[in-house]
Amino acid sequence: MIVRARGLSKTFRGPDGRPVPVLHGVDVDVKAGEFDQFGPQNIAPLVAWLCSDDAAGVNGQVFRVGGRSVWPMKGWHSATRIKNPEGRWDPAKLGARVKEELAKGITAPEGMGDVFAGGL
């Protein structure tokens, strides 16, 4: 089993060992006893579960974790199929078809406003 987890750190250490903030414009100072929505410990329960026997049938899935929320993602699934009945694609014709399909909103990207709507 391969588990990859990437935590969101509030700071990283510069060459001089001092913390360097990485979340500009976000209040990352957490007071004692408050929930740290950016803490890497929020990812740990999902990683622990994915390593358990209970998750044996879960594979090839993508998850996003932030604060108190976990989002099962639709990663690596076909949204549609664009097939050329004439054989090999001409780049310009392919581009036109891709634009046509994307205009339908089938792969509309989420903005961070969508992700954070309703809080974490």
PDB file of N, CA and C in Angstrom:
ATOM      1  N   MET A   1       0.841  -1.178   0.000  1.00  0.00           N
ATOM      2  CA  MET A   1       0.000   0.000   0.000  1.00  0.00           C
ATOM      3  C   MET A   1       0.880   1.232   0.000  1.00  0.00           C
ATOM      4  N   ILE A   2       0.533   2.182  -0.830  1.00  0.00           N
ATOM      5  CA  ILE A   2       1.245   3.454  -0.869  1.00  0.00           C
ATOM      6  C   ILE A   2       0.283   4.527  -0.391  1.00  0.00           C
ATOM      7  N   VAL A   3       0.686   5.261   0.619  1.00  0.00           N
ATOM      8  CA  VAL A   3      -0.118   6.370   1.132  1.00  0.00           C
ATOM      9  C   VAL A   3       0.735   7.618   1.014  1.00  0.00           C
ATOM     10  N   ARG A   4       0.187   8.607   0.360  1.00  0.00           N
ATOM     11  CA  ARG A   4       0.889   9.879   0.263  1.00  0.00           C
ATOM     12  C   ARG A   4       0.037  10.928   0.934  1.00  0.00           C
ATOM     13  N   ALA A   5       0.606  11.627   1.869  1.00  0.00           N
ATOM     14  CA  ALA A   5      -0.118  12.698   2.554  1.00  0.00           C
ATOM     15  C   ALA A   5       0.755  13.934   2.547  1.00  0.00           C
ATOM     16  N   ARG A   6       0.127  15.046   2.269  1.00  0.00           N
ATOM     17  CA  ARG A   6       0.866  16.296   2.289  1.00  0.00           C
ATOM     18  C   ARG A   6       0.151  17.220   3.253  1.00  0.00           C
ATOM     19  N   GLY A   7       0.824  17.590   4.310  1.00  0.00           N
ATOM     20  CA  GLY A   7       0.226  18.480   5.292  1.00  0.00           C
ATOM     21  C   GLY A   7       0.459  19.925   4.905  1.00  0.00           C
ATOM     22  N   LEU A   8      -0.382  20.786   5.400  1.00  0.00           N
ATOM     23  CA  LEU A   8      -0.227  22.211   5.178  1.00  0.00           C
ATOM     24  C   LEU A   8       0.403  22.787   6.427  1.00  0.00           C
ATOM     25  N   SER A   9       1.590  23.242   6.291  1.00  0.00           N
ATOM     26  CA  SER A   9       2.315  23.785   7.425  1.00  0.00           C
ATOM     27  C   SER A   9       2.126  25.293   7.501  1.00  0.00           C
ATOM     28  N   LYS A  10       2.012  25.797   8.708  1.00  0.00           N
ATOM     29  CA  LYS A  10       1.867  27.238   8.894  1.00  0.00           C
ATOM     30  C   LYS A  10       3.174  27.958   8.585  1.00  0.00           C
ATOM     31  N   THR A  11       4.281  27.301   8.836  1.00  0.00           N
ATOM     32  CA  THR A  11       5.585  27.914   8.616  1.00  0.00           C
ATOM     33  C   THR A  11       6.572  26.847   8.178  1.00  0.00           C
ATOM     34  N   PHE A  12       7.662  27.290   7.618  1.00  0.00           N
ATOM     35  CA  PHE A  12       8.785  26.400   7.428  1.00  0.00           C
ATOM     36  C   PHE A  12      10.011  27.107   7.977  1.00  0.00           C
ATOM     37  N   ARG A  13      11.059  26.383   8.168  1.00  0.00           N
ATOM     38  CA  ARG A  13      12.271  26.961   8.748  1.00  0.00           C
ATOM     39  C   ARG A  13      13.202  27.420   7.637  1.00  0.00           C
ATOM     40  N   GLY A  14      13.650  28.652   7.762  1.00  0.00           N
ATOM     41  CA  GLY A  14      14.599  29.197   6.806  1.00  0.00           C
ATOM     42  C   GLY A  14      16.001  28.683   7.105  1.00  0.00           C
ATOM     43  N   PRO A  15      16.971  29.072   6.286  1.00  0.00           N
ATOM     44  CA  PRO A  15      18.356  28.618   6.481  1.00  0.00           C
ATOM     45  C   PRO A  15      18.925  28.965   7.846  1.00  0.00           C
ATOM     46  N   ASP A  16      18.391  30.045   8.438  1.00  0.00           N
ATOM     47  CA  ASP A  16      18.893  30.452   9.751  1.00  0.00           C
ATOM     48  C   ASP A  16      18.138  29.777  10.894  1.00  0.00           C
ATOM     49  N   GLY A  17      17.171  28.896  10.558  1.00  0.00           N
ATOM     50  CA  GLY A  17      16.427  28.181  11.581  1.00  0.00           C
ATOM     51  C   GLY A  17      15.189  28.903  12.087  1.00  0.00           C
ATOM     52  N   ARG A  18      15.016  30.156  11.665  1.00  0.00           N
ATOM     53  CA  ARG A  18      13.844  30.907  12.116  1.00  0.00           C
ATOM     54  C   ARG A  18      12.631  30.533  11.273  1.00  0.00           C
ATOM     55  N   PRO A  19      11.424  30.527  11.872  1.00  0.00           N
ATOM     56  CA  PRO A  19      10.220  30.217  11.099  1.00  0.00           C
ATOM     57  C   PRO A  19       9.912  31.292  10.060  1.00  0.00           C
ATOM     58  N   VAL A  20       9.491  30.840   8.898  1.00  0.00           N
ATOM     59  CA  VAL A  20       9.112  31.740   7.808  1.00  0.00           C
ATOM     60  C   VAL A  20       7.648  31.457   7.482  1.00  0.00           C
ATOM     61  N   PRO A  21       6.754  32.469   7.577  1.00  0.00           N
ATOM     62  CA  PRO A  21       5.333  32.218   7.297  1.00  0.00           C
ATOM     63  C   PRO A  21       5.110  31.876   5.827  1.00  0.00           C
ATOM     64  N   VAL A  22       4.179  30.935   5.580  1.00  0.00           N
ATOM     65  CA  VAL A  22       3.868  30.548   4.207  1.00  0.00           C
ATOM     66  C   VAL A  22       2.411  30.790   3.845  1.00  0.00           C
ATOM     67  N   LEU A  23       1.584  31.100   4.795  1.00  0.00           N
ATOM     68  CA  LEU A  23       0.166  31.373   4.525  1.00  0.00           C
ATOM     69  C   LEU A  23      -0.078  32.868   4.645  1.00  0.00           C
ATOM     70  N   HIS A  24       0.231  33.597   3.601  1.00  0.00           N
ATOM     71  CA  HIS A  24       0.089  35.044   3.625  1.00  0.00           C
ATOM     72  C   HIS A  24      -1.383  35.426   3.628  1.00  0.00           C
ATOM     73  N   GLY A  25      -1.759  36.359   4.487  1.00  0.00           N
ATOM     74  CA  GLY A  25      -3.120  36.851   4.550  1.00  0.00           C
ATOM     75  C   GLY A  25      -4.073  35.953   5.319  1.00  0.00           C
ATOM     76  N   VAL A  26      -3.574  34.879   5.897  1.00  0.00           N
ATOM     77  CA  VAL A  26      -4.407  33.968   6.678  1.00  0.00           C
ATOM     78  C   VAL A  26      -3.925  34.016   8.117  1.00  0.00           C
ATOM     79  N   ASP A  27      -4.847  34.205   9.033  1.00  0.00           N
ATOM     80  CA  ASP A  27      -4.486  34.245  10.450  1.00  0.00           C
ATOM     81  C   ASP A  27      -4.144  32.832  10.900  1.00  0.00           C
ATOM     82  N   VAL A  28      -2.864  32.580  11.131  1.00  0.00           N
ATOM     83  CA  VAL A  28      -2.426  31.239  11.495  1.00  0.00           C
ATOM     84  C   VAL A  28      -2.054  31.127  12.964  1.00  0.00           C
ATOM     85  N   ASP A  29      -2.195  32.225  13.709  1.00  0.00           N
ATOM     86  CA  ASP A  29      -1.896  32.169  15.136  1.00  0.00           C
ATOM     87  C   ASP A  29      -3.063  31.486  15.847  1.00  0.00           C
ATOM     88  N   VAL A  30      -2.789  30.330  16.423  1.00  0.00           N
ATOM     89  CA  VAL A  30      -3.828  29.564  17.111  1.00  0.00           C
ATOM     90  C   VAL A  30      -3.586  29.703  18.602  1.00  0.00           C
ATOM     91  N   LYS A  31      -4.600  30.170  19.285  1.00  0.00           N
ATOM     92  CA  LYS A  31      -4.494  30.326  20.736  1.00  0.00           C
ATOM     93  C   LYS A  31      -4.654  28.969  21.407  1.00  0.00           C
ATOM     94  N   ALA A  32      -4.072  28.833  22.563  1.00  0.00           N
ATOM     95  CA  ALA A  32      -4.147  27.584  23.320  1.00  0.00           C
ATOM     96  C   ALA A  32      -5.600  27.152  23.475  1.00  0.00           C
ATOM     97  N   GLY A  33      -5.864  25.900  23.184  1.00  0.00           N
ATOM     98  CA  GLY A  33      -7.200  25.340  23.325  1.00  0.00           C
ATOM     99  C   GLY A  33      -8.087  25.510  22.104  1.00  0.00           C
ATOM    100  N   GLU A  34      -7.643  26.306  21.114  1.00  0.00           N
ATOM    101  CA  GLU A  34      -8.431  26.489  19.900  1.00  0.00           C
ATOM    102  C   GLU A  34      -8.071  25.429  18.863  1.00  0.00           C
ATOM    103  N   PHE A  35      -9.010  25.167  17.972  1.00  0.00           N
ATOM    104  CA  PHE A  35      -8.795  24.192  16.904  1.00  0.00           C
ATOM    105  C   PHE A  35      -7.899  24.803  15.832  1.00  0.00           C
ATOM    106  N   ASP A  36      -6.849  24.098  15.458  1.00  0.00           N
ATOM    107  CA  ASP A  36      -5.920  24.556  14.424  1.00  0.00           C
ATOM    108  C   ASP A  36      -6.350  23.957  13.092  1.00  0.00           C
ATOM    109  N   GLN A  37      -7.066  24.741  12.273  1.00  0.00           N
ATOM    110  CA  GLN A  37      -7.602  24.210  11.032  1.00  0.00           C
ATOM    111  C   GLN A  37      -6.532  23.831  10.019  1.00  0.00           C
ATOM    112  N   PHE A  38      -5.311  24.347  10.177  1.00  0.00           N
ATOM    113  CA  PHE A  38      -4.239  24.021   9.248  1.00  0.00           C
ATOM    114  C   PHE A  38      -3.244  23.014   9.826  1.00  0.00           C
ATOM    115  N   GLY A  39      -3.542  22.465  10.990  1.00  0.00           N
ATOM    116  CA  GLY A  39      -2.624  21.529  11.633  1.00  0.00           C
ATOM    117  C   GLY A  39      -2.525  20.203  10.890  1.00  0.00           C
ATOM    118  N   PRO A  40      -1.322  19.681  10.735  1.00  0.00           N
ATOM    119  CA  PRO A  40      -1.155  18.398  10.045  1.00  0.00           C
ATOM    120  C   PRO A  40      -1.835  17.245  10.780  1.00  0.00           C
ATOM    121  N   GLN A  41      -2.136  17.432  12.061  1.00  0.00           N
ATOM    122  CA  GLN A  41      -2.822  16.377  12.809  1.00  0.00           C
ATOM    123  C   GLN A  41      -4.237  16.140  12.278  1.00  0.00           C
ATOM    124  N   ASN A  42      -4.754  17.049  11.462  1.00  0.00           N
ATOM    125  CA  ASN A  42      -6.072  16.858  10.861  1.00  0.00           C
ATOM    126  C   ASN A  42      -6.044  15.790   9.766  1.00  0.00           C
ATOM    127  N   ILE A  43      -4.881  15.560   9.194  1.00  0.00           N
ATOM    128  CA  ILE A  43      -4.725  14.565   8.131  1.00  0.00           C
ATOM    129  C   ILE A  43      -4.499  13.176   8.715  1.00  0.00           C
ATOM    130  N   ALA A  44      -3.918  13.116   9.898  1.00  0.00           N
ATOM    131  CA  ALA A  44      -3.525  11.840  10.506  1.00  0.00           C
ATOM    132  C   ALA A  44      -4.658  10.821  10.619  1.00  0.00           C
ATOM    133  N   PRO A  45      -5.884  11.181  11.018  1.00  0.00           N
ATOM    134  CA  PRO A  45      -6.932  10.165  11.115  1.00  0.00           C
ATOM    135  C   PRO A  45      -7.246   9.490   9.778  1.00  0.00           C
ATOM    136  N   LEU A  46      -7.237  10.264   8.696  1.00  0.00           N
ATOM    137  CA  LEU A  46      -7.497   9.663   7.383  1.00  0.00           C
ATOM    138  C   LEU A  46      -6.360   8.725   6.993  1.00  0.00           C
ATOM    139  N   VAL A  47      -5.143   9.156   7.203  1.00  0.00           N
ATOM    140  CA  VAL A  47      -3.990   8.311   6.872  1.00  0.00           C
ATOM    141  C   VAL A  47      -4.015   7.033   7.705  1.00  0.00           C
ATOM    142  N   ALA A  48      -4.326   7.154   8.999  1.00  0.00           N
ATOM    143  CA  ALA A  48      -4.393   5.971   9.869  1.00  0.00           C
ATOM    144  C   ALA A  48      -5.475   5.015   9.380  1.00  0.00           C
ATOM    145  N   TRP A  49      -6.641   5.553   9.015  1.00  0.00           N
ATOM    146  CA  TRP A  49      -7.717   4.692   8.525  1.00  0.00           C
ATOM    147  C   TRP A  49      -7.327   4.033   7.204  1.00  0.00           C
ATOM    148  N   LEU A  50      -6.702   4.789   6.290  1.00  0.00           N
ATOM    149  CA  LEU A  50      -6.293   4.216   5.013  1.00  0.00           C
ATOM    150  C   LEU A  50      -5.293   3.081   5.196  1.00  0.00           C
ATOM    151  N   CYS A  51      -4.534   3.110   6.275  1.00  0.00           N
ATOM    152  CA  CYS A  51      -3.562   2.045   6.561  1.00  0.00           C
ATOM    153  C   CYS A  51      -4.199   0.857   7.267  1.00  0.00           C
ATOM    154  N   SER A  52      -5.472   0.975   7.639  1.00  0.00           N
ATOM    155  CA  SER A  52      -6.123  -0.098   8.395  1.00  0.00           C
ATOM    156  C   SER A  52      -6.743  -1.137   7.474  1.00  0.00           C
ATOM    157  N   ASP A  53      -7.052  -2.302   8.042  1.00  0.00           N
ATOM    158  CA  ASP A  53      -7.728  -3.362   7.294  1.00  0.00           C
ATOM    159  C   ASP A  53      -9.110  -2.920   6.835  1.00  0.00           C
ATOM    160  N   ASP A  54      -9.747  -2.022   7.588  1.00  0.00           N
ATOM    161  CA  ASP A  54     -11.080  -1.548   7.241  1.00  0.00           C
ATOM    162  C   ASP A  54     -11.104  -0.844   5.881  1.00  0.00           C
ATOM    163  N   ALA A  55      -9.981  -0.282   5.473  1.00  0.00           N
ATOM    164  CA  ALA A  55      -9.892   0.438   4.200  1.00  0.00           C
ATOM    165  C   ALA A  55      -9.270  -0.416   3.099  1.00  0.00           C
ATOM    166  N   ALA A  56      -9.240  -1.726   3.286  1.00  0.00           N
ATOM    167  CA  ALA A  56      -8.577  -2.619   2.325  1.00  0.00           C
ATOM    168  C   ALA A  56      -9.115  -2.464   0.906  1.00  0.00           C
ATOM    169  N   GLY A  57     -10.393  -2.142   0.750  1.00  0.00           N
ATOM    170  CA  GLY A  57     -10.970  -2.013  -0.579  1.00  0.00           C
ATOM    171  C   GLY A  57     -10.877  -0.617  -1.165  1.00  0.00           C
ATOM    172  N   VAL A  58     -10.244   0.298  -0.456  1.00  0.00           N
ATOM    173  CA  VAL A  58     -10.124   1.672  -0.936  1.00  0.00           C
ATOM    174  C   VAL A  58      -8.779   1.828  -1.622  1.00  0.00           C
ATOM    175  N   ASN A  59      -8.809   2.064  -2.912  1.00  0.00           N
ATOM    176  CA  ASN A  59      -7.555   2.281  -3.633  1.00  0.00           C
ATOM    177  C   ASN A  59      -7.799   3.201  -4.814  1.00  0.00           C
ATOM    178  N   GLY A  60      -6.786   3.894  -5.228  1.00  0.00           N
ATOM    179  CA  GLY A  60      -6.893   4.809  -6.349  1.00  0.00           C
ATOM    180  C   GLY A  60      -7.750   6.031  -6.072  1.00  0.00           C
ATOM    181  N   GLN A  61      -7.966   6.346  -4.816  1.00  0.00           N
ATOM    182  CA  GLN A  61      -8.819   7.473  -4.444  1.00  0.00           C
ATOM    183  C   GLN A  61      -7.980   8.701  -4.108  1.00  0.00           C
ATOM    184  N   VAL A  62      -8.584   9.852  -4.280  1.00  0.00           N
ATOM    185  CA  VAL A  62      -7.935  11.114  -3.950  1.00  0.00           C
ATOM    186  C   VAL A  62      -8.802  11.808  -2.904  1.00  0.00           C
ATOM    187  N   PHE A  63      -8.163  12.284  -1.841  1.00  0.00           N
ATOM    188  CA  PHE A  63      -8.866  12.987  -0.777  1.00  0.00           C
ATOM    189  C   PHE A  63      -8.203  14.333  -0.539  1.00  0.00           C
ATOM    190  N   ARG A  64      -8.998  15.316  -0.189  1.00  0.00           N
ATOM    191  CA  ARG A  64      -8.486  16.603   0.274  1.00  0.00           C
ATOM    192  C   ARG A  64      -8.902  16.717   1.734  1.00  0.00           C
ATOM    193  N   VAL A  65      -7.987  17.159   2.587  1.00  0.00           N
ATOM    194  CA  VAL A  65      -8.287  17.334   4.002  1.00  0.00           C
ATOM    195  C   VAL A  65      -7.972  18.773   4.382  1.00  0.00           C
ATOM    196  N   GLY A  66      -8.904  19.397   5.072  1.00  0.00           N
ATOM    197  CA  GLY A  66      -8.686  20.749   5.568  1.00  0.00           C
ATOM    198  C   GLY A  66      -9.558  20.978   6.782  1.00  0.00           C
ATOM    199  N   GLY A  67      -8.949  21.375   7.868  1.00  0.00           N
ATOM    200  CA  GLY A  67      -9.720  21.619   9.079  1.00  0.00           C
ATOM    201  C   GLY A  67     -10.456  20.368   9.525  1.00  0.00           C
ATOM    202  N   ARG A  68     -11.761  20.494   9.725  1.00  0.00           N
ATOM    203  CA  ARG A  68     -12.578  19.364  10.171  1.00  0.00           C
ATOM    204  C   ARG A  68     -13.208  18.617   9.012  1.00  0.00           C
ATOM    205  N   SER A  69     -12.830  18.949   7.785  1.00  0.00           N
ATOM    206  CA  SER A  69     -13.484  18.384   6.604  1.00  0.00           C
ATOM    207  C   SER A  69     -12.563  17.487   5.790  1.00  0.00           C
ATOM    208  N   VAL A  70     -13.185  16.464   5.207  1.00  0.00           N
ATOM    209  CA  VAL A  70     -12.502  15.573   4.261  1.00  0.00           C
ATOM    210  C   VAL A  70     -13.351  15.541   3.003  1.00  0.00           C
ATOM    211  N   TRP A  71     -12.732  15.783   1.866  1.00  0.00           N
ATOM    212  CA  TRP A  71     -13.421  15.756   0.594  1.00  0.00           C
ATOM    213  C   TRP A  71     -12.946  14.559  -0.224  1.00  0.00           C
ATOM    214  N   PRO A  72     -13.788  13.552  -0.457  1.00  0.00           N
ATOM    215  CA  PRO A  72     -13.440  12.545  -1.462  1.00  0.00           C
ATOM    216  C   PRO A  72     -13.516  13.231  -2.830  1.00  0.00           C
ATOM    217  N   MET A  73     -12.458  13.154  -3.584  1.00  0.00           N
ATOM    218  CA  MET A  73     -12.371  13.871  -4.852  1.00  0.00           C
ATOM    219  C   MET A  73     -12.780  12.977  -6.025  1.00  0.00           C
ATOM    220  N   LYS A  74     -13.016  13.589  -7.155  1.00  0.00           N
ATOM    221  CA  LYS A  74     -13.355  12.861  -8.376  1.00  0.00           C
ATOM    222  C   LYS A  74     -12.130  12.691  -9.265  1.00  0.00           C
ATOM    223  N   GLY A  75     -10.969  12.683  -8.678  1.00  0.00           N
ATOM    224  CA  GLY A  75      -9.745  12.617  -9.455  1.00  0.00           C
ATOM    225  C   GLY A  75      -9.633  11.349 -10.282  1.00  0.00           C
ATOM    226  N   TRP A  76      -9.063  11.474 -11.475  1.00  0.00           N
ATOM    227  CA  TRP A  76      -8.749  10.372 -12.364  1.00  0.00           C
ATOM    228  C   TRP A  76      -9.972   9.647 -12.917  1.00  0.00           C
ATOM    229  N   HIS A  77     -11.086  10.343 -13.017  1.00  0.00           N
ATOM    230  CA  HIS A  77     -12.269   9.774 -13.649  1.00  0.00           C
ATOM    231  C   HIS A  77     -12.560  10.545 -14.928  1.00  0.00           C
ATOM    232  N   SER A  78     -12.951   9.833 -15.968  1.00  0.00           N
ATOM    233  CA  SER A  78     -13.290  10.490 -17.225  1.00  0.00           C
ATOM    234  C   SER A  78     -14.548  11.324 -17.057  1.00  0.00           C
ATOM    235  N   ALA A  79     -14.515  12.549 -17.515  1.00  0.00           N
ATOM    236  CA  ALA A  79     -15.689  13.400 -17.491  1.00  0.00           C
ATOM    237  C   ALA A  79     -16.494  13.220 -18.775  1.00  0.00           C
ATOM    238  N   THR A  80     -15.809  12.912 -19.849  1.00  0.00           N
ATOM    239  CA  THR A  80     -16.441  12.660 -21.145  1.00  0.00           C
ATOM    240  C   THR A  80     -15.412  12.001 -22.054  1.00  0.00           C
ATOM    241  N   ARG A  81     -15.828  11.664 -23.233  1.00  0.00           N
ATOM    242  CA  ARG A  81     -14.912  11.092 -24.220  1.00  0.00           C
ATOM    243  C   ARG A  81     -15.022  11.917 -25.490  1.00  0.00           C
ATOM    244  N   ILE A  82     -13.889  12.301 -26.011  1.00  0.00           N
ATOM    245  CA  ILE A  82     -13.844  13.059 -27.265  1.00  0.00           C
ATOM    246  C   ILE A  82     -13.148  12.144 -28.275  1.00  0.00           C
ATOM    247  N   LYS A  83     -13.923  11.605 -29.178  1.00  0.00           N
ATOM    248  CA  LYS A  83     -13.401  10.617 -30.122  1.00  0.00           C
ATOM    249  C   LYS A  83     -13.438  11.181 -31.535  1.00  0.00           C
ATOM    250  N   ASN A  84     -12.416  10.909 -32.298  1.00  0.00           N
ATOM    251  CA  ASN A  84     -12.352  11.352 -33.682  1.00  0.00           C
ATOM    252  C   ASN A  84     -12.707  10.174 -34.591  1.00  0.00           C
ATOM    253  N   PRO A  85     -13.852  10.228 -35.250  1.00  0.00           N
ATOM    254  CA  PRO A  85     -14.248   9.118 -36.103  1.00  0.00           C
ATOM    255  C   PRO A  85     -13.405   9.010 -37.375  1.00  0.00           C
ATOM    256  N   GLU A  86     -12.597  10.035 -37.659  1.00  0.00           N
ATOM    257  CA  GLU A  86     -11.799  10.064 -38.888  1.00  0.00           C
ATOM    258  C   GLU A  86     -10.386   9.543 -38.696  1.00  0.00           C
ATOM    259  N   GLY A  87     -10.015   9.142 -37.503  1.00  0.00           N
ATOM    260  CA  GLY A  87      -8.641   8.676 -37.272  1.00  0.00           C
ATOM    261  C   GLY A  87      -7.882   9.617 -36.373  1.00  0.00           C
ATOM    262  N   ARG A  88      -6.638   9.903 -36.757  1.00  0.00           N
ATOM    263  CA  ARG A  88      -5.779  10.750 -35.940  1.00  0.00           C
ATOM    264  C   ARG A  88      -6.289  12.182 -35.924  1.00  0.00           C
ATOM    265  N   TRP A  89      -6.151  12.832 -34.752  1.00  0.00           N
ATOM    266  CA  TRP A  89      -6.637  14.203 -34.581  1.00  0.00           C
ATOM    267  C   TRP A  89      -5.730  15.223 -35.248  1.00  0.00           C
ATOM    268  N   ASP A  90      -6.339  16.236 -35.845  1.00  0.00           N
ATOM    269  CA  ASP A  90      -5.656  17.453 -36.228  1.00  0.00           C
ATOM    270  C   ASP A  90      -5.669  18.326 -34.977  1.00  0.00           C
ATOM    271  N   PRO A  91      -4.530  18.905 -34.566  1.00  0.00           N
ATOM    272  CA  PRO A  91      -4.498  19.677 -33.324  1.00  0.00           C
ATOM    273  C   PRO A  91      -5.549  20.786 -33.243  1.00  0.00           C
ATOM    274  N   ALA A  92      -5.786  21.502 -34.328  1.00  0.00           N
ATOM    275  CA  ALA A  92      -6.764  22.594 -34.294  1.00  0.00           C
ATOM    276  C   ALA A  92      -8.175  22.052 -34.101  1.00  0.00           C
ATOM    277  N   LYS A  93      -8.508  20.961 -34.793  1.00  0.00           N
ATOM    278  CA  LYS A  93      -9.841  20.363 -34.641  1.00  0.00           C
ATOM    279  C   LYS A  93     -10.026  19.797 -33.236  1.00  0.00           C
ATOM    280  N   LEU A  94      -8.970  19.169 -32.723  1.00  0.00           N
ATOM    281  CA  LEU A  94      -9.035  18.637 -31.359  1.00  0.00           C
ATOM    282  C   LEU A  94      -9.242  19.767 -30.363  1.00  0.00           C
ATOM    283  N   GLY A  95      -8.491  20.850 -30.538  1.00  0.00           N
ATOM    284  CA  GLY A  95      -8.629  21.993 -29.638  1.00  0.00           C
ATOM    285  C   GLY A  95     -10.046  22.548 -29.626  1.00  0.00           C
ATOM    286  N   ALA A  96     -10.651  22.627 -30.805  1.00  0.00           N
ATOM    287  CA  ALA A  96     -12.027  23.117 -30.885  1.00  0.00           C
ATOM    288  C   ALA A  96     -12.984  22.202 -30.136  1.00  0.00           C
ATOM    289  N   ARG A  97     -12.800  20.890 -30.289  1.00  0.00           N
ATOM    290  CA  ARG A  97     -13.669  19.929 -29.590  1.00  0.00           C
ATOM    291  C   ARG A  97     -13.455  19.974 -28.087  1.00  0.00           C
ATOM    292  N   VAL A  98     -12.208  20.099 -27.650  1.00  0.00           N
ATOM    293  CA  VAL A  98     -11.924  20.185 -26.214  1.00  0.00           C
ATOM    294  C   VAL A  98     -12.593  21.429 -25.637  1.00  0.00           C
ATOM    295  N   LYS A  99     -12.442  22.563 -26.310  1.00  0.00           N
ATOM    296  CA  LYS A  99     -13.083  23.799 -25.839  1.00  0.00           C
ATOM    297  C   LYS A  99     -14.595  23.635 -25.762  1.00  0.00           C
ATOM    298  N   GLU A 100     -15.173  22.967 -26.770  1.00  0.00           N
ATOM    299  CA  GLU A 100     -16.618  22.740 -26.790  1.00  0.00           C
ATOM    300  C   GLU A 100     -17.068  21.947 -25.566  1.00  0.00           C
ATOM    301  N   GLU A 101     -16.341  20.894 -25.249  1.00  0.00           N
ATOM    302  CA  GLU A 101     -16.697  20.063 -24.091  1.00  0.00           C
ATOM    303  C   GLU A 101     -16.470  20.803 -22.777  1.00  0.00           C
ATOM    304  N   LEU A 102     -15.349  21.513 -22.664  1.00  0.00           N
ATOM    305  CA  LEU A 102     -15.060  22.245 -21.434  1.00  0.00           C
ATOM    306  C   LEU A 102     -16.076  23.352 -21.188  1.00  0.00           C
ATOM    307  N   ALA A 103     -16.606  23.946 -22.268  1.00  0.00           N
ATOM    308  CA  ALA A 103     -17.606  25.006 -22.131  1.00  0.00           C
ATOM    309  C   ALA A 103     -18.887  24.480 -21.478  1.00  0.00           C
ATOM    310  N   LYS A 104     -19.097  23.172 -21.502  1.00  0.00           N
ATOM    311  CA  LYS A 104     -20.275  22.575 -20.870  1.00  0.00           C
ATOM    312  C   LYS A 104     -20.136  22.544 -19.348  1.00  0.00           C
ATOM    313  N   GLY A 105     -18.938  22.847 -18.849  1.00  0.00           N
ATOM    314  CA  GLY A 105     -18.718  22.877 -17.404  1.00  0.00           C
ATOM    315  C   GLY A 105     -18.446  21.518 -16.793  1.00  0.00           C
ATOM    316  N   ILE A 106     -18.151  20.528 -17.621  1.00  0.00           N
ATOM    317  CA  ILE A 106     -17.978  19.165 -17.103  1.00  0.00           C
ATOM    318  C   ILE A 106     -16.770  19.006 -16.199  1.00  0.00           C
ATOM    319  N   THR A 107     -15.785  19.853 -16.371  1.00  0.00           N
ATOM    320  CA  THR A 107     -14.601  19.780 -15.515  1.00  0.00           C
ATOM    321  C   THR A 107     -14.357  21.115 -14.825  1.00  0.00           C
ATOM    322  N   ALA A 108     -15.437  21.833 -14.528  1.00  0.00           N
ATOM    323  CA  ALA A 108     -15.295  23.146 -13.905  1.00  0.00           C
ATOM    324  C   ALA A 108     -14.440  23.038 -12.656  1.00  0.00           C
ATOM    325  N   PRO A 109     -13.348  23.776 -12.612  1.00  0.00           N
ATOM    326  CA  PRO A 109     -12.480  23.706 -11.438  1.00  0.00           C
ATOM    327  C   PRO A 109     -13.119  24.376 -10.238  1.00  0.00           C
ATOM    328  N   GLU A 110     -12.810  23.841  -9.074  1.00  0.00           N
ATOM    329  CA  GLU A 110     -13.236  24.465  -7.830  1.00  0.00           C
ATOM    330  C   GLU A 110     -12.268  25.590  -7.519  1.00  0.00           C
ATOM    331  N   GLY A 111     -12.800  26.717  -7.114  1.00  0.00           N
ATOM    332  CA  GLY A 111     -11.953  27.779  -6.608  1.00  0.00           C
ATOM    333  C   GLY A 111     -11.817  27.621  -5.100  1.00  0.00           C
ATOM    334  N   MET A 112     -10.856  28.274  -4.514  1.00  0.00           N
ATOM    335  CA  MET A 112     -10.673  28.164  -3.074  1.00  0.00           C
ATOM    336  C   MET A 112     -11.897  28.709  -2.336  1.00  0.00           C
ATOM    337  N   GLY A 113     -12.613  29.657  -2.936  1.00  0.00           N
ATOM    338  CA  GLY A 113     -13.852  30.139  -2.319  1.00  0.00           C
ATOM    339  C   GLY A 113     -14.887  29.039  -2.198  1.00  0.00           C
ATOM    340  N   ASP A 114     -14.954  28.155  -3.229  1.00  0.00           N
ATOM    341  CA  ASP A 114     -15.867  27.002  -3.177  1.00  0.00           C
ATOM    342  C   ASP A 114     -15.451  26.041  -2.078  1.00  0.00           C
ATOM    343  N   VAL A 115     -14.160  25.805  -1.971  1.00  0.00           N
ATOM    344  CA  VAL A 115     -13.642  24.858  -0.989  1.00  0.00           C
ATOM    345  C   VAL A 115     -13.912  25.352   0.425  1.00  0.00           C
ATOM    346  N   PHE A 116     -13.689  26.650   0.679  1.00  0.00           N
ATOM    347  CA  PHE A 116     -13.827  27.189   2.018  1.00  0.00           C
ATOM    348  C   PHE A 116     -15.241  27.647   2.355  1.00  0.00           C
ATOM    349  N   ALA A 117     -16.159  27.611   1.392  1.00  0.00           N
ATOM    350  CA  ALA A 117     -17.538  28.032   1.646  1.00  0.00           C
ATOM    351  C   ALA A 117     -18.117  27.186   2.777  1.00  0.00           C
ATOM    352  N   GLY A 118     -18.692  27.813   3.735  1.00  0.00           N
ATOM    353  CA  GLY A 118     -19.258  27.076   4.871  1.00  0.00           C
ATOM    354  C   GLY A 118     -18.235  26.717   5.923  1.00  0.00           C
ATOM    355  N   GLY A 119     -17.013  27.176   5.754  1.00  0.00           N
ATOM    356  CA  GLY A 119     -15.958  26.878   6.738  1.00  0.00           C
ATOM    357  C   GLY A 119     -15.379  25.496   6.551  1.00  0.00           C
ATOM    358  N   LEU A 120     -14.289  25.276   7.228  1.00  0.00           N
ATOM    359  CA  LEU A 120     -13.652  23.966   7.168  1.00  0.00           C
ATOM    360  C   LEU A 120     -14.223  23.112   8.257  1.00  0.00           C
TER     361      LEU A 120
END
